[in-house]
Each structure stands twice: as C-alpha cells, then as structure tokens.
Amino acid sequence: MAKKIDLSGIRRIAERVAETAKEADKAVARARGTLRRRIVPEARRDIQTEYNLKAARISAGLRASNITDGVELVGSKRGVGLIEFGGKATKTGATARVRVGGALSERPGAFVAPLLGGNTHIVERYGKKRVMTAGRYKGKKRQPLSVEYGPSIAQMLRRPGRAEHLADFAQTLLASEITRLLR
C-alpha cells in the first residue's frame, strides 16, 4: 500500500524562510542608510561639545558613505582657520578660543586680514621680505603672510573616546532600526 506524504507545509516554511532572508537583507541595507544619514549629526554634536566651532563648519568637514560591510565616517584633514574658533583682533595681536570653556589663545603680532581668495583669516608675518607676485602689493617688497590654523575636523574625530562613543551610537541605532523594520 502506497502512502502519500504531503510536503506542502515544508515548502511553505522554506518559502517563508527565503522571504525572511530577503527581508533581513533589505532591513540591514535600510538600517545602514539610516545610520549613514544620522552619524554625521551625532559626530557634529559630539565635536561641538568640546570645540568652539559652529555646527555648519563641523558638518561641512564631515562625510559619511556606505562601504561594503558598513558605514564610513570621514573628517576633512584640511585645517580650520583660527578665525572660525571665535577669532578676533586685539590691540596687541589676535585671540581665539579653540576649546569650549578653554583658555583664550593669544597670538601677539598676529592680525586679521582679508586674503587674495576673499576669505578673512588670522595671519602672521614670517621670514624675510620678498617681492610679492600677486595682490595689491604685487611688485613691492613685503614679508609673506602665514595663516594660523587650529585642529582639523579629522583631528577632532580622532580624540580619545570619540570613536567608542560613535561606535556605541551606531550599534544601538542599527539594532533598534533592524528590529523596527523586521516587525
């Protein structure tokens, strides 16, 4: 006597498992997108608690992108001019406060000047006089100018404890987002 075995239940379970795997991959991809969008503001907030810099300037120096197995947060290595740390001209030079609540950094002999590109910076004169090749003093002997910089956004990201804080934020966000998407 032949027995019939119904495998439709197993087939339905296999299809459901395959659909769940597809949904899980989609949920992970969406969670990574959410993390890519939200990691920059979190890093900006964290940096802004320590450095005396405007939010827009910090955000301009941060970039998040998807990589094969996660999200990469990159800070610009270009220096940030001291003028952006609340730099001001004084009678004896220029001052800026790099850290929130930190000491006022004084630069005797420095001054605030608009440069050839149109941006205003805190600058100092250095070296011997030489013949200028551009600007309003072209052809005249002047001392070259050196722009004074503070830390770059990349250096701010490398501060001790910041990577751990951002990694904890990312793990918490990914876990809650994947859980939400798979409900």
Protein backbone atom coordinates (compact mmCIF):
# COMPACT_ATOMS: atom_id res chain seq x y z
CA MET A 1 0.00 0.00 0.00
CA ALA A 2 1.45 3.39 -1.04
CA LYS A 3 1.49 6.25 1.38
CA LYS A 4 1.22 9.85 0.36
CA ILE A 5 3.32 12.39 2.19
CA ASP A 6 2.21 15.98 1.91
CA LEU A 7 5.25 18.28 1.65
CA SER A 8 3.31 21.49 1.04
CA GLY A 9 3.81 22.58 4.67
CA ILE A 10 7.58 22.17 4.39
CA ARG A 11 7.51 24.03 1.07
CA ARG A 12 5.58 26.92 2.67
CA ILE A 13 8.10 27.06 5.55
CA ALA A 14 11.02 27.07 3.09
CA GLU A 15 9.40 29.90 1.12
CA ARG A 16 8.78 31.84 4.33
CA VAL A 17 12.43 31.39 5.40
CA ALA A 18 13.59 32.60 1.96
CA GLU A 19 11.30 35.64 2.22
CA THR A 20 12.58 36.38 5.74
CA ALA A 21 16.18 36.22 4.48
CA LYS A 22 15.33 38.69 1.69
CA GLU A 23 13.55 40.94 4.19
CA ALA A 24 16.53 40.75 6.57
CA ASP A 25 18.93 41.80 3.80
CA LYS A 26 16.62 44.66 2.87
CA ALA A 27 16.27 45.69 6.54
CA VAL A 28 20.07 45.72 7.00
CA ALA A 29 20.51 47.85 3.87
CA ARG A 30 17.85 50.32 5.05
CA ALA A 31 19.35 50.44 8.55
CA ARG A 32 22.76 51.22 7.03
CA GLY A 33 21.15 54.08 5.07
CA THR A 34 19.61 55.44 8.25
CA LEU A 35 22.96 55.19 10.04
CA ARG A 36 24.72 56.97 7.14
CA ARG A 37 22.25 59.86 7.47
CA ARG A 38 22.36 60.08 11.28
CA ILE A 39 26.06 59.52 12.08
CA VAL A 40 27.16 62.95 10.80
CA PRO A 41 24.83 64.96 13.09
CA GLU A 42 25.80 62.76 16.05
CA ALA A 43 29.52 63.27 15.37
CA ARG A 44 28.91 67.01 14.94
CA ARG A 45 27.12 67.20 18.30
CA ASP A 46 29.91 65.27 19.98
CA ILE A 47 32.63 67.50 18.47
CA GLN A 48 30.69 70.66 19.28
CA THR A 49 30.62 69.83 22.98
CA GLU A 50 34.42 70.08 23.02
CA TYR A 51 35.38 72.60 20.32
CA ASN A 52 34.28 76.22 19.91
CA LEU A 53 33.15 75.84 16.30
CA LYS A 54 29.84 76.46 14.54
CA ALA A 55 27.71 73.46 13.60
CA ALA A 56 27.72 74.27 9.88
CA ARG A 57 31.53 74.35 9.78
CA ILE A 58 31.81 70.98 11.50
CA SER A 59 29.16 69.42 9.25
CA ALA A 60 30.94 70.76 6.16
CA GLY A 61 34.05 68.83 7.18
CA LEU A 62 32.29 65.51 7.84
CA ARG A 63 31.22 62.94 5.24
CA ALA A 64 29.57 59.54 5.68
CA SER A 65 29.43 56.93 2.94
CA ASN A 66 28.39 53.31 2.54
CA ILE A 67 31.18 50.78 2.19
CA THR A 68 30.87 47.05 1.52
CA ASP A 69 30.33 45.99 5.13
CA GLY A 70 29.26 49.16 6.92
CA VAL A 71 29.30 52.94 7.00
CA GLU A 72 32.46 55.05 6.93
CA LEU A 73 32.68 58.46 8.63
CA VAL A 74 35.47 60.68 7.29
CA GLY A 75 36.64 64.03 8.60
CA SER A 76 38.36 66.62 6.43
CA LYS A 77 42.09 66.85 7.08
CA ARG A 78 42.22 70.47 5.94
CA GLY A 79 42.98 72.78 8.84
CA VAL A 80 40.31 75.06 10.27
CA GLY A 81 41.38 78.70 10.45
CA LEU A 82 41.60 80.23 13.92
CA ILE A 83 39.17 82.94 12.85
CA GLU A 84 36.42 80.27 12.87
CA PHE A 85 37.10 79.50 16.54
CA GLY A 86 35.78 82.91 17.50
CA GLY A 87 38.98 84.68 16.44
CA LYS A 88 39.19 88.43 16.99
CA ALA A 89 41.73 91.17 16.55
CA THR A 90 43.08 92.89 19.68
CA LYS A 91 45.43 95.83 20.23
CA THR A 92 48.46 93.57 20.57
CA GLY A 93 47.55 90.78 18.14
CA ALA A 94 44.69 88.30 17.77
CA THR A 95 42.88 85.85 20.04
CA ALA A 96 40.79 82.71 19.59
CA ARG A 97 39.22 80.13 21.90
CA VAL A 98 39.67 76.66 20.38
CA ARG A 99 38.05 74.60 23.17
CA VAL A 100 34.71 75.30 24.80
CA GLY A 101 35.49 76.68 28.24
CA GLY A 102 39.22 76.56 27.43
CA ALA A 103 41.82 79.26 27.70
CA LEU A 104 41.89 82.12 25.23
CA SER A 105 44.74 81.53 22.78
CA GLU A 106 46.64 84.78 22.26
CA ARG A 107 48.79 85.40 19.18
CA PRO A 108 50.87 88.55 19.72
CA GLY A 109 51.81 90.15 16.42
CA ALA A 110 49.04 88.38 14.51
CA PHE A 111 46.23 90.28 12.84
CA VAL A 112 43.00 89.70 10.94
CA ALA A 113 43.26 90.26 7.19
CA PRO A 114 41.30 89.51 4.03
CA LEU A 115 43.44 87.36 1.73
CA LEU A 116 43.56 87.03 -2.05
CA GLY A 117 40.78 84.42 -2.14
CA GLY A 118 38.45 86.83 -0.35
CA ASN A 119 38.37 84.93 2.95
CA THR A 120 39.30 86.65 6.19
CA HIS A 121 41.88 84.88 8.37
CA ILE A 122 44.13 85.41 11.36
CA VAL A 123 47.63 85.77 9.88
CA GLU A 124 51.19 86.47 10.96
CA ARG A 125 54.15 87.79 9.03
CA TYR A 126 57.16 85.49 8.72
CA GLY A 127 60.54 85.31 7.01
CA LYS A 128 62.47 87.89 5.03
CA LYS A 129 60.91 90.48 2.81
CA ARG A 130 60.45 89.42 -0.79
CA VAL A 131 58.86 90.79 -3.93
CA MET A 132 55.14 90.00 -3.94
CA THR A 133 53.78 88.22 -7.02
CA ALA A 134 50.02 88.77 -6.56
CA GLY A 135 47.51 91.02 -4.79
CA ARG A 136 47.54 94.72 -4.18
CA TYR A 137 51.23 94.70 -3.19
CA LYS A 138 52.35 92.98 -6.41
CA GLY A 139 55.88 94.07 -7.31
CA LYS A 140 56.61 95.56 -3.85
CA LYS A 141 58.84 94.09 -1.15
CA ARG A 142 56.78 92.70 1.73
CA GLN A 143 57.01 89.94 4.31
CA PRO A 144 54.90 86.87 3.41
CA LEU A 145 51.81 86.05 5.48
CA SER A 146 51.16 82.77 7.25
CA VAL A 147 47.58 81.76 8.10
CA GLU A 148 47.10 80.49 11.66
CA TYR A 149 45.15 77.23 11.91
CA GLY A 150 43.52 75.20 14.66
CA PRO A 151 42.88 71.44 14.58
CA SER A 152 41.26 69.84 11.55
CA ILE A 153 37.92 68.01 11.67
CA ALA A 154 39.83 64.72 11.22
CA GLN A 155 41.94 65.50 14.30
CA MET A 156 38.77 66.33 16.23
CA LEU A 157 37.31 62.93 15.24
CA ARG A 158 40.46 61.16 16.46
CA ARG A 159 40.14 62.46 20.02
CA PRO A 160 40.19 59.67 22.64
CA GLY A 161 36.75 58.27 23.43
CA ARG A 162 35.01 59.73 20.38
CA ALA A 163 35.33 56.59 18.24
CA GLU A 164 33.91 54.43 21.04
CA HIS A 165 31.00 56.83 21.57
CA LEU A 166 30.17 56.85 17.84
CA ALA A 167 30.50 53.05 17.62
CA ASP A 168 28.09 52.63 20.56
CA PHE A 169 25.67 55.07 18.91
CA ALA A 170 25.91 53.15 15.62
CA GLN A 171 25.33 49.74 17.24
CA THR A 172 22.33 50.99 19.21
CA LEU A 173 20.84 52.67 16.15
CA LEU A 174 21.37 49.62 13.90
CA ALA A 175 19.87 47.22 16.45
CA SER A 176 16.76 49.34 17.04
CA GLU A 177 16.32 50.09 13.34
CA ILE A 178 16.61 46.43 12.25
CA THR A 179 14.20 45.40 14.99
CA ARG A 180 11.73 48.07 13.88
CA LEU A 181 12.00 47.09 10.21
CA LEU A 182 11.53 43.36 10.83
CA ARG A 183 8.37 43.76 12.94
